[in-house]
Amino acid sequence: MGSTELAANLFRATQTEEKLRRDEVSGKQRANQTHFEVGSKVRQTIRELGGTMPEALPTPETSIQQLERVQKKLEK
């Protein structure tokens, strides 16, 4: 995950947390709906600004878990 995706994800999370608190959202269904709505707004903003959508960002060929397994084998 690159810095752009991390920043967007952190922004989404912090804004969702604030909205849940500010609107005194309770219950799993309402909380999930709030998460979805905030996420949609963040995605809409990225799209409007001409940014790259998260699913279109490049992904590494090797996952962290794969690298950790290789490292453990090398340490043996």
N, C-alpha and C. Protein backbone atom coordinates (compact mmCIF):
# COMPACT_ATOMS: atom_id res chain seq x y z
N MET A 1 0.85 -1.17 0.00
CA MET A 1 0.00 0.00 0.00
C MET A 1 0.90 1.23 0.00
N GLY A 2 0.71 2.08 -0.98
CA GLY A 2 1.51 3.29 -1.08
C GLY A 2 0.98 4.41 -0.21
N SER A 3 1.70 5.53 -0.20
CA SER A 3 1.32 6.65 0.66
C SER A 3 -0.04 7.25 0.28
N THR A 4 -0.37 7.29 -1.01
CA THR A 4 -1.66 7.83 -1.43
C THR A 4 -2.80 7.00 -0.90
N GLU A 5 -2.69 5.68 -1.05
CA GLU A 5 -3.75 4.80 -0.57
C GLU A 5 -3.83 4.82 0.96
N LEU A 6 -2.69 4.86 1.62
CA LEU A 6 -2.68 4.93 3.08
C LEU A 6 -3.36 6.21 3.57
N ALA A 7 -3.04 7.33 2.93
CA ALA A 7 -3.62 8.61 3.33
C ALA A 7 -5.13 8.62 3.12
N ALA A 8 -5.59 8.11 1.99
CA ALA A 8 -7.03 8.06 1.71
C ALA A 8 -7.73 7.15 2.72
N ASN A 9 -7.11 6.04 3.04
CA ASN A 9 -7.69 5.10 3.98
C ASN A 9 -7.76 5.70 5.39
N LEU A 10 -6.70 6.38 5.79
CA LEU A 10 -6.68 7.03 7.10
C LEU A 10 -7.73 8.14 7.16
N PHE A 11 -7.84 8.93 6.09
CA PHE A 11 -8.84 9.99 6.03
C PHE A 11 -10.24 9.40 6.17
N ARG A 12 -10.51 8.32 5.43
CA ARG A 12 -11.82 7.66 5.49
C ARG A 12 -12.11 7.18 6.91
N ALA A 13 -11.12 6.55 7.53
CA ALA A 13 -11.31 6.01 8.88
C ALA A 13 -11.56 7.11 9.90
N THR A 14 -10.77 8.19 9.84
CA THR A 14 -10.94 9.26 10.82
C THR A 14 -12.26 9.98 10.62
N GLN A 15 -12.66 10.20 9.38
CA GLN A 15 -13.92 10.88 9.12
C GLN A 15 -15.11 10.02 9.54
N THR A 16 -14.99 8.72 9.33
CA THR A 16 -16.06 7.81 9.75
C THR A 16 -16.18 7.82 11.27
N GLU A 17 -15.04 7.75 11.95
CA GLU A 17 -15.05 7.76 13.42
C GLU A 17 -15.70 9.03 13.94
N GLU A 18 -15.34 10.17 13.37
CA GLU A 18 -15.93 11.44 13.80
C GLU A 18 -17.43 11.48 13.54
N LYS A 19 -17.86 11.01 12.39
CA LYS A 19 -19.29 11.02 12.05
C LYS A 19 -20.08 10.09 12.97
N LEU A 20 -19.52 8.92 13.27
CA LEU A 20 -20.19 8.00 14.20
C LEU A 20 -20.38 8.66 15.56
N ARG A 21 -19.35 9.35 16.02
CA ARG A 21 -19.41 10.02 17.32
C ARG A 21 -20.34 11.22 17.28
N ARG A 22 -20.17 12.07 16.27
CA ARG A 22 -20.96 13.30 16.15
C ARG A 22 -22.45 13.01 16.01
N ASP A 23 -22.79 12.01 15.19
CA ASP A 23 -24.20 11.68 14.94
C ASP A 23 -24.75 10.67 15.95
N GLU A 24 -23.91 10.30 16.92
CA GLU A 24 -24.29 9.33 17.96
C GLU A 24 -24.91 8.07 17.34
N VAL A 25 -24.21 7.54 16.35
CA VAL A 25 -24.68 6.35 15.64
C VAL A 25 -24.53 5.15 16.57
N SER A 26 -25.59 4.36 16.65
CA SER A 26 -25.54 3.14 17.44
C SER A 26 -26.13 2.00 16.62
N GLY A 27 -25.69 0.81 16.92
CA GLY A 27 -26.16 -0.36 16.21
C GLY A 27 -25.26 -0.69 15.03
N LYS A 28 -25.07 -1.98 14.84
CA LYS A 28 -24.16 -2.45 13.80
C LYS A 28 -24.61 -2.02 12.41
N GLN A 29 -25.89 -2.14 12.12
CA GLN A 29 -26.39 -1.80 10.78
C GLN A 29 -26.19 -0.33 10.45
N ARG A 30 -26.50 0.55 11.39
CA ARG A 30 -26.31 2.00 11.16
C ARG A 30 -24.84 2.35 11.04
N ALA A 31 -24.01 1.71 11.86
CA ALA A 31 -22.56 1.96 11.80
C ALA A 31 -22.00 1.51 10.45
N ASN A 32 -22.41 0.34 10.00
CA ASN A 32 -21.96 -0.14 8.69
C ASN A 32 -22.41 0.78 7.58
N GLN A 33 -23.63 1.28 7.66
CA GLN A 33 -24.15 2.20 6.64
C GLN A 33 -23.33 3.49 6.64
N THR A 34 -22.98 3.98 7.82
CA THR A 34 -22.16 5.19 7.93
C THR A 34 -20.79 4.96 7.31
N HIS A 35 -20.18 3.82 7.59
CA HIS A 35 -18.88 3.48 6.98
C HIS A 35 -18.99 3.48 5.47
N PHE A 36 -20.04 2.89 4.95
CA PHE A 36 -20.24 2.81 3.50
C PHE A 36 -20.41 4.21 2.91
N GLU A 37 -21.22 5.05 3.55
CA GLU A 37 -21.49 6.40 3.03
C GLU A 37 -20.22 7.25 3.01
N VAL A 38 -19.45 7.21 4.08
CA VAL A 38 -18.20 7.99 4.13
C VAL A 38 -17.22 7.47 3.09
N GLY A 39 -17.11 6.15 2.98
CA GLY A 39 -16.23 5.57 1.97
C GLY A 39 -16.63 5.99 0.56
N SER A 40 -17.93 6.04 0.30
CA SER A 40 -18.42 6.46 -1.02
C SER A 40 -18.05 7.91 -1.31
N LYS A 41 -18.18 8.76 -0.30
CA LYS A 41 -17.82 10.18 -0.47
C LYS A 41 -16.32 10.35 -0.73
N VAL A 42 -15.50 9.59 -0.03
CA VAL A 42 -14.05 9.67 -0.24
C VAL A 42 -13.73 9.21 -1.66
N ARG A 43 -14.33 8.11 -2.09
CA ARG A 43 -14.11 7.62 -3.46
C ARG A 43 -14.58 8.66 -4.49
N GLN A 44 -15.71 9.29 -4.23
CA GLN A 44 -16.24 10.31 -5.14
C GLN A 44 -15.26 11.47 -5.25
N THR A 45 -14.69 11.88 -4.13
CA THR A 45 -13.73 12.99 -4.14
C THR A 45 -12.47 12.61 -4.92
N ILE A 46 -11.97 11.39 -4.72
CA ILE A 46 -10.79 10.94 -5.46
C ILE A 46 -11.09 11.00 -6.96
N ARG A 47 -12.26 10.50 -7.34
CA ARG A 47 -12.66 10.47 -8.75
C ARG A 47 -12.76 11.90 -9.31
N GLU A 48 -13.40 12.81 -8.57
CA GLU A 48 -13.58 14.18 -9.02
C GLU A 48 -12.26 14.92 -9.19
N LEU A 49 -11.29 14.60 -8.35
CA LEU A 49 -9.98 15.25 -8.42
C LEU A 49 -9.07 14.62 -9.47
N GLY A 50 -9.56 13.55 -10.08
CA GLY A 50 -8.77 12.89 -11.12
C GLY A 50 -7.72 11.97 -10.56
N GLY A 51 -7.89 11.57 -9.31
CA GLY A 51 -6.92 10.67 -8.69
C GLY A 51 -7.12 9.23 -9.15
N THR A 52 -6.19 8.41 -8.78
CA THR A 52 -6.25 7.00 -9.11
C THR A 52 -7.09 6.29 -8.06
N MET A 53 -8.06 5.53 -8.52
CA MET A 53 -8.91 4.79 -7.61
C MET A 53 -8.08 3.69 -6.94
N PRO A 54 -8.37 3.37 -5.68
CA PRO A 54 -7.55 2.39 -4.95
C PRO A 54 -7.38 1.06 -5.69
N GLU A 55 -8.42 0.58 -6.32
CA GLU A 55 -8.31 -0.71 -7.00
C GLU A 55 -7.43 -0.65 -8.24
N ALA A 56 -7.13 0.56 -8.72
CA ALA A 56 -6.28 0.72 -9.90
C ALA A 56 -4.82 0.99 -9.54
N LEU A 57 -4.53 1.13 -8.25
CA LEU A 57 -3.15 1.37 -7.82
C LEU A 57 -2.33 0.10 -8.00
N PRO A 58 -1.05 0.25 -8.28
CA PRO A 58 -0.20 -0.93 -8.46
C PRO A 58 -0.07 -1.71 -7.16
N THR A 59 0.05 -3.01 -7.29
CA THR A 59 0.25 -3.87 -6.13
C THR A 59 1.58 -4.59 -6.29
N PRO A 60 2.25 -4.86 -5.17
CA PRO A 60 3.53 -5.55 -5.25
C PRO A 60 3.34 -6.99 -5.71
N GLU A 61 4.38 -7.53 -6.34
CA GLU A 61 4.32 -8.91 -6.80
C GLU A 61 4.41 -9.90 -5.64
N THR A 62 5.08 -9.48 -4.56
CA THR A 62 5.30 -10.35 -3.41
C THR A 62 4.65 -9.73 -2.18
N SER A 63 3.86 -10.51 -1.46
CA SER A 63 3.20 -10.01 -0.26
C SER A 63 4.17 -9.99 0.92
N ILE A 64 3.81 -9.28 1.95
CA ILE A 64 4.63 -9.23 3.16
C ILE A 64 4.75 -10.62 3.77
N GLN A 65 3.63 -11.37 3.76
CA GLN A 65 3.65 -12.72 4.31
C GLN A 65 4.63 -13.61 3.55
N GLN A 66 4.67 -13.49 2.25
CA GLN A 66 5.61 -14.27 1.45
C GLN A 66 7.05 -13.89 1.79
N LEU A 67 7.31 -12.62 1.91
CA LEU A 67 8.65 -12.16 2.26
C LEU A 67 9.06 -12.64 3.65
N GLU A 68 8.11 -12.64 4.60
CA GLU A 68 8.41 -13.12 5.94
C GLU A 68 8.74 -14.61 5.93
N ARG A 69 8.02 -15.40 5.13
CA ARG A 69 8.31 -16.84 5.03
C ARG A 69 9.71 -17.07 4.47
N VAL A 70 10.07 -16.32 3.46
CA VAL A 70 11.40 -16.45 2.87
C VAL A 70 12.46 -16.09 3.90
N GLN A 71 12.21 -15.01 4.65
CA GLN A 71 13.16 -14.57 5.67
C GLN A 71 13.35 -15.64 6.75
N LYS A 72 12.24 -16.26 7.17
CA LYS A 72 12.34 -17.31 8.19
C LYS A 72 13.14 -18.49 7.69
N LYS A 73 12.95 -18.86 6.42
CA LYS A 73 13.71 -19.97 5.84
C LYS A 73 15.20 -19.65 5.78
N LEU A 74 15.53 -18.40 5.48
CA LEU A 74 16.93 -17.99 5.40
C LEU A 74 17.59 -17.98 6.77
N GLU A 75 16.80 -17.72 7.82
CA GLU A 75 17.35 -17.65 9.17
C GLU A 75 17.65 -19.03 9.74
N LYS A 76 17.08 -20.07 9.17
CA LYS A 76 17.27 -21.44 9.67
C LYS A 76 18.61 -22.00 9.31
